[in-house]
Amino acid sequence: MKKGIIRPLAICIFRYHDSILVAEGYDSVKGENYYRPIGGIELGESSSDAVIREVKEEIDADICDLNYLGMIENLFTLNGAAGHGIVMVYDASFVDKSFYKTESFEGKEGDGSIFKLIWFPLSEFQEGNMRLVPENLLGLLDKK
């Protein structure tokens, strides 16, 4: 059996009309972009508290109407390394409605690195034009 870590994650979906907010990433081995909601869990916090904290830390935003959508298991390869996550999926709304009027903006990871957040139509992912991760997230969103 391989040694490794199964990482717990809590991610949050923000919707605006027919679009969702995603962070842009790049897989250097596959040579392709991928898009994901933001989130993570730290030791000792609940998944719902993690979502609130992550959104505040990464984009300095307060949220409301937090709603649990479900859990998905995520087996993946990123930059050539295998990964495994158990992902709690939420949706929520921004208290500050100006986030919905900005096509893209920057967020900051805990290590200080900057990433880009973009509103994309959900149909771009449903039609296979863009890659949404975790891979099985789209199936959960289609049910809601």
Protein backbone atom coordinates (compact mmCIF):
# COMPACT_ATOMS: atom_id res chain seq x y z
CA MET A 1 0.00 0.00 0.00
CA LYS A 2 1.28 3.49 -0.86
CA LYS A 3 2.12 5.91 1.90
CA GLY A 4 0.46 9.27 1.69
CA ILE A 5 -2.05 11.61 3.18
CA ILE A 6 -5.77 11.76 2.55
CA ARG A 7 -6.50 15.46 2.81
CA PRO A 8 -9.79 16.77 4.17
CA LEU A 9 -11.06 19.82 2.28
CA ALA A 10 -14.03 22.13 2.53
CA ILE A 11 -14.83 24.11 -0.61
CA CYS A 12 -17.44 26.72 -1.30
CA ILE A 13 -19.39 27.36 -4.47
CA PHE A 14 -20.45 30.92 -5.15
CA ARG A 15 -23.04 31.35 -7.89
CA TYR A 16 -24.04 34.44 -9.81
CA HIS A 17 -26.74 33.97 -12.43
CA ASP A 18 -25.41 31.04 -14.51
CA SER A 19 -21.78 31.41 -13.38
CA ILE A 20 -19.64 30.03 -10.55
CA LEU A 21 -16.54 31.54 -8.96
CA VAL A 22 -13.38 29.46 -9.41
CA ALA A 23 -9.65 29.82 -8.81
CA GLU A 24 -7.40 29.22 -11.79
CA GLY A 25 -4.61 26.65 -11.50
CA TYR A 26 -2.08 25.11 -13.87
CA ASP A 27 -0.85 21.51 -14.04
CA SER A 28 2.71 21.76 -15.39
CA VAL A 29 2.95 18.04 -16.24
CA LYS A 30 -0.32 17.93 -18.19
CA GLY A 31 0.26 21.41 -19.58
CA GLU A 32 -3.30 22.51 -18.90
CA ASN A 33 -5.33 24.89 -16.78
CA TYR A 34 -7.86 23.67 -14.26
CA TYR A 35 -10.40 25.56 -12.19
CA ARG A 36 -11.48 24.92 -8.61
CA PRO A 37 -13.43 26.48 -5.78
CA ILE A 38 -11.35 27.72 -2.84
CA GLY A 39 -11.12 25.98 0.53
CA GLY A 40 -9.23 23.81 3.01
CA ILE A 41 -9.58 22.49 6.58
CA GLU A 42 -7.14 22.97 9.45
CA LEU A 43 -6.81 20.65 12.42
CA GLY A 44 -9.48 21.28 15.05
CA GLU A 45 -12.02 23.15 12.93
CA SER A 46 -15.30 22.03 11.44
CA SER A 47 -15.74 22.07 7.67
CA SER A 48 -18.25 24.94 7.89
CA ASP A 49 -15.88 27.01 10.05
CA ALA A 50 -13.10 26.22 7.56
CA VAL A 51 -15.10 27.64 4.66
CA ILE A 52 -15.79 30.87 6.54
CA ARG A 53 -12.12 31.20 7.57
CA GLU A 54 -10.69 30.35 4.13
CA VAL A 55 -12.89 32.87 2.31
CA LYS A 56 -11.97 35.56 4.85
CA GLU A 57 -8.24 34.78 4.70
CA GLU A 58 -7.92 34.31 0.95
CA ILE A 59 -10.17 37.06 -0.43
CA ASP A 60 -11.07 39.10 2.68
CA ALA A 61 -14.79 38.47 2.25
CA ASP A 62 -17.60 37.70 4.67
CA ILE A 63 -20.22 35.17 3.63
CA CYS A 64 -23.81 34.35 4.51
CA ASP A 65 -26.37 31.65 3.69
CA LEU A 66 -23.81 28.83 4.06
CA ASN A 67 -25.41 25.58 2.89
CA TYR A 68 -23.93 22.06 2.88
CA LEU A 69 -24.33 20.38 -0.54
CA GLY A 70 -22.61 17.05 0.05
CA MET A 71 -19.33 15.14 0.23
CA ILE A 72 -17.21 13.83 -2.62
CA GLU A 73 -14.08 11.71 -2.72
CA ASN A 74 -11.36 13.07 -4.98
CA LEU A 75 -8.60 10.84 -6.41
CA PHE A 76 -6.36 12.90 -8.68
CA THR A 77 -2.91 13.59 -10.12
CA LEU A 78 -1.51 17.13 -10.01
CA ASN A 79 1.91 18.04 -11.40
CA GLY A 80 2.67 14.32 -11.63
CA ALA A 81 1.91 13.54 -7.97
CA ALA A 82 -1.01 11.41 -6.80
CA GLY A 83 -3.48 13.00 -4.41
CA HIS A 84 -6.53 11.93 -2.44
CA GLY A 85 -9.05 14.20 -0.77
CA ILE A 86 -12.32 13.95 1.07
CA VAL A 87 -14.17 17.12 0.10
CA MET A 88 -17.09 18.74 1.94
CA VAL A 89 -18.92 20.96 -0.55
CA TYR A 90 -20.87 24.06 0.45
CA ASP A 91 -22.45 26.98 -1.29
CA ALA A 92 -22.84 30.47 0.12
CA SER A 93 -23.39 34.10 -0.77
CA PHE A 94 -21.14 37.11 -0.35
CA VAL A 95 -22.25 39.75 2.16
CA ASP A 96 -20.53 42.39 0.01
CA LYS A 97 -22.41 42.21 -3.30
CA SER A 98 -19.59 43.99 -5.18
CA PHE A 99 -17.85 40.59 -5.54
CA TYR A 100 -20.60 39.66 -8.00
CA LYS A 101 -19.87 42.68 -10.19
CA THR A 102 -16.16 41.96 -10.64
CA GLU A 103 -15.33 39.57 -13.50
CA SER A 104 -12.06 38.48 -11.89
CA PHE A 105 -9.96 39.39 -8.87
CA GLU A 106 -6.99 38.12 -6.88
CA GLY A 107 -6.80 36.00 -3.76
CA LYS A 108 -3.88 35.19 -1.50
CA GLU A 109 -2.87 31.72 -0.26
CA GLY A 110 -1.59 31.18 3.27
CA ASP A 111 1.98 31.12 1.94
CA GLY A 112 1.50 34.56 0.37
CA SER A 113 1.23 33.36 -3.23
CA ILE A 114 -1.35 35.14 -5.36
CA PHE A 115 -4.01 33.36 -7.40
CA LYS A 116 -6.72 34.52 -9.78
CA LEU A 117 -10.46 34.03 -9.20
CA ILE A 118 -12.82 34.22 -12.16
CA TRP A 119 -16.55 33.96 -12.75
CA PHE A 120 -17.23 31.39 -15.49
CA PRO A 121 -20.54 30.10 -16.82
CA LEU A 122 -21.25 26.64 -15.41
CA SER A 123 -22.03 25.58 -18.99
CA GLU A 124 -18.32 25.95 -19.91
CA PHE A 125 -17.57 23.07 -17.53
CA GLN A 126 -20.69 21.07 -18.41
CA GLU A 127 -19.80 21.20 -22.12
CA GLY A 128 -16.21 20.13 -21.46
CA ASN A 129 -14.64 23.40 -22.61
CA MET A 130 -12.93 23.89 -19.25
CA ARG A 131 -11.79 21.49 -16.52
CA LEU A 132 -13.49 21.84 -13.12
CA VAL A 133 -11.85 20.05 -10.19
CA PRO A 134 -12.49 18.01 -8.16
CA GLU A 135 -13.50 15.98 -11.22
CA ASN A 136 -16.77 14.73 -9.71
CA LEU A 137 -17.85 18.15 -8.40
CA LEU A 138 -19.83 18.87 -11.55
CA GLY A 139 -22.08 15.86 -10.91
CA LEU A 140 -22.90 17.18 -7.45
CA LEU A 141 -23.63 20.68 -8.77
CA ASP A 142 -25.86 19.33 -11.52
CA LYS A 143 -28.03 17.66 -8.84
CA LYS A 144 -28.50 20.88 -6.85
